[in-house]
Amino acid sequence: MLDTRVLRDVVSKESTALPASVRFIRNIDFLHLLRDRPGAFSYTLPMSAAFTPASGATPEPAQSTSPIPGTTRPPGAFRRLWRALKQLFYEAVGAIFGILAFAWLNNAFRAWTRGDVAHWLVALAVLVAAIFTLFAISSFRRARRI
């Protein structure tokens, strides 16, 4: 079992002589050692890793701003609206790229069946349609991730 006192001493001695960016990266390396021990450490980005005392006492939980004890506050209305608008934007952009890809494929098919256009122009139209299709797919995937 990992002794947190030794790890705490190593972090405190090494982190004082290093710049903040290196201390941040070094503290991330210690996270995988304690992942299986719930309550063994708390970590925030601007601060270095803070470990629990050797007695095993867990730190006090952060005070919730929720009116109901034991629950977390849901995101505000503006945050929900902004998330919905971003998702709608990405879906609309994906639909526009999909329509443009269909239009380029339609033009490539008409040029191919007519036969009076150079083959490299048809290939170029298919290539542009493929690029627009990739843009449409990536936009819809990004909308789903939000």
C-alpha atoms as a PDB file:
ATOM      1  CA  MET A   1       0.000   0.000   0.000  1.00  0.00           C
ATOM      2  CA  LEU A   2       1.205   3.482  -0.790  1.00  0.00           C
ATOM      3  CA  ASP A   3       2.144   5.650   2.183  1.00  0.00           C
ATOM      4  CA  THR A   4       0.768   9.144   1.608  1.00  0.00           C
ATOM      5  CA  ARG A   5       3.202  10.728   4.092  1.00  0.00           C
ATOM      6  CA  VAL A   6       6.178   9.730   1.948  1.00  0.00           C
ATOM      7  CA  LEU A   7       4.436  10.889  -1.204  1.00  0.00           C
ATOM      8  CA  ARG A   8       3.480  14.201   0.430  1.00  0.00           C
ATOM      9  CA  ASP A   9       7.093  14.809   1.471  1.00  0.00           C
ATOM     10  CA  VAL A  10       8.349  14.034  -2.036  1.00  0.00           C
ATOM     11  CA  VAL A  11       5.860  16.424  -3.612  1.00  0.00           C
ATOM     12  CA  SER A  12       6.558  19.244  -1.150  1.00  0.00           C
ATOM     13  CA  LYS A  13      10.367  18.972  -1.436  1.00  0.00           C
ATOM     14  CA  GLU A  14      10.456  18.687  -5.232  1.00  0.00           C
ATOM     15  CA  SER A  15       7.703  21.145  -6.057  1.00  0.00           C
ATOM     16  CA  THR A  16       9.262  24.151  -4.325  1.00  0.00           C
ATOM     17  CA  ALA A  17      12.241  24.317  -6.695  1.00  0.00           C
ATOM     18  CA  LEU A  18      10.296  23.811  -9.940  1.00  0.00           C
ATOM     19  CA  PRO A  19       8.337  26.313 -12.036  1.00  0.00           C
ATOM     20  CA  ALA A  20       4.551  26.191 -11.801  1.00  0.00           C
ATOM     21  CA  SER A  21       4.052  24.488 -15.172  1.00  0.00           C
ATOM     22  CA  VAL A  22       6.440  21.657 -14.276  1.00  0.00           C
ATOM     23  CA  ARG A  23       4.841  21.287 -10.822  1.00  0.00           C
ATOM     24  CA  PHE A  24       1.435  20.926 -12.507  1.00  0.00           C
ATOM     25  CA  ILE A  25       2.714  18.188 -14.836  1.00  0.00           C
ATOM     26  CA  ARG A  26       4.537  16.442 -11.989  1.00  0.00           C
ATOM     27  CA  ASN A  27       1.394  16.466  -9.822  1.00  0.00           C
ATOM     28  CA  ILE A  28      -0.614  14.839 -12.612  1.00  0.00           C
ATOM     29  CA  ASP A  29       1.829  11.913 -12.535  1.00  0.00           C
ATOM     30  CA  PHE A  30       0.904  11.227  -8.902  1.00  0.00           C
ATOM     31  CA  LEU A  31      -2.827  11.053  -9.610  1.00  0.00           C
ATOM     32  CA  HIS A  32      -2.724   7.530 -11.026  1.00  0.00           C
ATOM     33  CA  LEU A  33      -1.079   6.239  -7.825  1.00  0.00           C
ATOM     34  CA  LEU A  34      -4.006   7.267  -5.643  1.00  0.00           C
ATOM     35  CA  ARG A  35      -6.929   6.765  -8.023  1.00  0.00           C
ATOM     36  CA  ASP A  36      -8.159   3.609  -6.278  1.00  0.00           C
ATOM     37  CA  ARG A  37      -8.293   5.337  -2.863  1.00  0.00           C
ATOM     38  CA  PRO A  38     -11.406   7.533  -2.673  1.00  0.00           C
ATOM     39  CA  GLY A  39     -10.888  10.558  -0.470  1.00  0.00           C
ATOM     40  CA  ALA A  40      -7.104  10.182  -0.514  1.00  0.00           C
ATOM     41  CA  PHE A  41      -6.478  13.500  -2.229  1.00  0.00           C
ATOM     42  CA  SER A  42      -8.172  16.548  -3.610  1.00  0.00           C
ATOM     43  CA  TYR A  43      -6.831  18.377  -6.613  1.00  0.00           C
ATOM     44  CA  THR A  44      -7.469  21.772  -8.117  1.00  0.00           C
ATOM     45  CA  LEU A  45      -5.790  23.251 -11.159  1.00  0.00           C
ATOM     46  CA  PRO A  46      -4.177  26.407  -9.754  1.00  0.00           C
ATOM     47  CA  MET A  47      -2.876  24.642  -6.653  1.00  0.00           C
ATOM     48  CA  SER A  48      -0.594  21.680  -6.180  1.00  0.00           C
ATOM     49  CA  ALA A  49      -1.987  18.329  -5.062  1.00  0.00           C
ATOM     50  CA  ALA A  50      -3.258  18.430  -1.485  1.00  0.00           C
ATOM     51  CA  PHE A  51      -3.166  15.084   0.268  1.00  0.00           C
ATOM     52  CA  THR A  52      -5.077  14.059   3.365  1.00  0.00           C
ATOM     53  CA  PRO A  53      -3.275  13.914   6.684  1.00  0.00           C
ATOM     54  CA  ALA A  54      -1.557  10.690   7.693  1.00  0.00           C
ATOM     55  CA  SER A  55      -4.368  10.008  10.168  1.00  0.00           C
ATOM     56  CA  GLY A  56      -6.615   9.233   7.221  1.00  0.00           C
ATOM     57  CA  ALA A  57      -9.131  11.999   7.921  1.00  0.00           C
ATOM     58  CA  THR A  58     -10.958  13.102   4.818  1.00  0.00           C
ATOM     59  CA  PRO A  59     -11.110  16.789   3.938  1.00  0.00           C
ATOM     60  CA  GLU A  60     -14.304  18.743   4.471  1.00  0.00           C
ATOM     61  CA  PRO A  61     -16.521  18.781   1.376  1.00  0.00           C
ATOM     62  CA  ALA A  62     -16.934  22.079  -0.433  1.00  0.00           C
ATOM     63  CA  GLN A  63     -19.954  24.121   0.567  1.00  0.00           C
ATOM     64  CA  SER A  64     -22.747  23.779  -1.947  1.00  0.00           C
ATOM     65  CA  THR A  65     -24.704  26.841  -3.029  1.00  0.00           C
ATOM     66  CA  SER A  66     -27.781  24.716  -3.616  1.00  0.00           C
ATOM     67  CA  PRO A  67     -30.768  25.452  -1.367  1.00  0.00           C
ATOM     68  CA  ILE A  68     -31.300  21.712  -0.833  1.00  0.00           C
ATOM     69  CA  PRO A  69     -28.551  20.130   1.300  1.00  0.00           C
ATOM     70  CA  GLY A  70     -26.647  17.295  -0.329  1.00  0.00           C
ATOM     71  CA  THR A  71     -27.417  18.315  -3.912  1.00  0.00           C
ATOM     72  CA  THR A  72     -25.438  20.265  -6.425  1.00  0.00           C
ATOM     73  CA  ARG A  73     -26.775  23.333  -8.114  1.00  0.00           C
ATOM     74  CA  PRO A  74     -27.776  22.814 -11.765  1.00  0.00           C
ATOM     75  CA  PRO A  75     -26.170  25.046 -14.366  1.00  0.00           C
ATOM     76  CA  GLY A  76     -27.739  28.461 -14.802  1.00  0.00           C
ATOM     77  CA  ALA A  77     -30.232  29.393 -17.467  1.00  0.00           C
ATOM     78  CA  PHE A  78     -27.678  31.296 -19.530  1.00  0.00           C
ATOM     79  CA  ARG A  79     -25.298  28.331 -19.559  1.00  0.00           C
ATOM     80  CA  ARG A  80     -28.069  25.988 -20.687  1.00  0.00           C
ATOM     81  CA  LEU A  81     -29.163  28.467 -23.369  1.00  0.00           C
ATOM     82  CA  TRP A  82     -25.585  28.900 -24.599  1.00  0.00           C
ATOM     83  CA  ARG A  83     -25.117  25.111 -24.753  1.00  0.00           C
ATOM     84  CA  ALA A  84     -28.335  24.721 -26.749  1.00  0.00           C
ATOM     85  CA  LEU A  85     -27.322  27.536 -29.126  1.00  0.00           C
ATOM     86  CA  LYS A  86     -23.898  25.980 -29.703  1.00  0.00           C
ATOM     87  CA  GLN A  87     -25.473  22.613 -30.408  1.00  0.00           C
ATOM     88  CA  LEU A  88     -27.977  24.205 -32.796  1.00  0.00           C
ATOM     89  CA  PHE A  89     -25.160  26.088 -34.549  1.00  0.00           C
ATOM     90  CA  TYR A  90     -23.116  22.936 -35.129  1.00  0.00           C
ATOM     91  CA  GLU A  91     -26.165  21.038 -36.372  1.00  0.00           C
ATOM     92  CA  ALA A  92     -27.074  23.869 -38.773  1.00  0.00           C
ATOM     93  CA  VAL A  93     -23.508  24.045 -40.101  1.00  0.00           C
ATOM     94  CA  GLY A  94     -23.509  20.261 -40.531  1.00  0.00           C
ATOM     95  CA  ALA A  95     -26.788  20.429 -42.453  1.00  0.00           C
ATOM     96  CA  ILE A  96     -25.440  23.192 -44.725  1.00  0.00           C
ATOM     97  CA  PHE A  97     -22.282  21.194 -45.455  1.00  0.00           C
ATOM     98  CA  GLY A  98     -24.423  18.113 -46.154  1.00  0.00           C
ATOM     99  CA  ILE A  99     -26.575  20.043 -48.615  1.00  0.00           C
ATOM    100  CA  LEU A 100     -23.489  21.453 -50.338  1.00  0.00           C
ATOM    101  CA  ALA A 101     -21.971  17.970 -50.575  1.00  0.00           C
ATOM    102  CA  PHE A 102     -25.183  16.676 -52.151  1.00  0.00           C
ATOM    103  CA  ALA A 103     -25.182  19.566 -54.634  1.00  0.00           C
ATOM    104  CA  TRP A 104     -21.561  18.877 -55.670  1.00  0.00           C
ATOM    105  CA  LEU A 105     -22.331  15.152 -56.087  1.00  0.00           C
ATOM    106  CA  ASN A 106     -25.389  16.013 -58.156  1.00  0.00           C
ATOM    107  CA  ASN A 107     -23.326  18.249 -60.434  1.00  0.00           C
ATOM    108  CA  ALA A 108     -20.596  15.605 -60.731  1.00  0.00           C
ATOM    109  CA  PHE A 109     -23.191  12.971 -61.693  1.00  0.00           C
ATOM    110  CA  ARG A 110     -24.770  15.247 -64.324  1.00  0.00           C
ATOM    111  CA  ALA A 111     -21.363  16.074 -65.799  1.00  0.00           C
ATOM    112  CA  TRP A 112     -20.449  12.364 -65.869  1.00  0.00           C
ATOM    113  CA  THR A 113     -23.663  11.317 -67.628  1.00  0.00           C
ATOM    114  CA  ARG A 114     -23.457  14.182 -70.154  1.00  0.00           C
ATOM    115  CA  GLY A 115     -19.927  13.186 -71.111  1.00  0.00           C
ATOM    116  CA  ASP A 116     -18.769  16.537 -72.466  1.00  0.00           C
ATOM    117  CA  VAL A 117     -16.734  17.500 -69.375  1.00  0.00           C
ATOM    118  CA  ALA A 118     -13.165  16.468 -68.628  1.00  0.00           C
ATOM    119  CA  HIS A 119     -12.841  13.569 -66.207  1.00  0.00           C
ATOM    120  CA  TRP A 120     -10.559  15.489 -63.869  1.00  0.00           C
ATOM    121  CA  LEU A 121     -13.338  18.052 -63.335  1.00  0.00           C
ATOM    122  CA  VAL A 122     -15.728  15.291 -62.335  1.00  0.00           C
ATOM    123  CA  ALA A 123     -13.088  13.878 -59.979  1.00  0.00           C
ATOM    124  CA  LEU A 124     -12.553  17.347 -58.524  1.00  0.00           C
ATOM    125  CA  ALA A 125     -16.297  17.729 -57.893  1.00  0.00           C
ATOM    126  CA  VAL A 126     -16.393  14.333 -56.154  1.00  0.00           C
ATOM    127  CA  LEU A 127     -13.374  15.333 -54.041  1.00  0.00           C
ATOM    128  CA  VAL A 128     -15.049  18.583 -52.954  1.00  0.00           C
ATOM    129  CA  ALA A 129     -18.223  16.647 -52.137  1.00  0.00           C
ATOM    130  CA  ALA A 130     -16.194  14.207 -50.029  1.00  0.00           C
ATOM    131  CA  ILE A 131     -14.577  17.087 -48.120  1.00  0.00           C
ATOM    132  CA  PHE A 132     -17.974  18.686 -47.476  1.00  0.00           C
ATOM    133  CA  THR A 133     -19.286  15.318 -46.297  1.00  0.00           C
ATOM    134  CA  LEU A 134     -16.411  15.026 -43.813  1.00  0.00           C
ATOM    135  CA  PHE A 135     -17.121  18.555 -42.569  1.00  0.00           C
ATOM    136  CA  ALA A 136     -20.798  17.687 -42.130  1.00  0.00           C
ATOM    137  CA  ILE A 137     -20.014  14.498 -40.202  1.00  0.00           C
ATOM    138  CA  SER A 138     -17.501  16.226 -37.930  1.00  0.00           C
ATOM    139  CA  SER A 139     -19.937  19.059 -37.265  1.00  0.00           C
ATOM    140  CA  PHE A 140     -22.724  16.679 -36.265  1.00  0.00           C
ATOM    141  CA  ARG A 141     -20.313  14.727 -34.054  1.00  0.00           C
ATOM    142  CA  ARG A 142     -19.195  17.935 -32.368  1.00  0.00           C
ATOM    143  CA  ALA A 143     -22.834  18.919 -31.788  1.00  0.00           C
ATOM    144  CA  ARG A 144     -23.430  15.575 -30.108  1.00  0.00           C
ATOM    145  CA  ARG A 145     -20.406  15.999 -27.819  1.00  0.00           C
ATOM    146  CA  ILE A 146     -21.659  19.312 -26.420  1.00  0.00           C
END
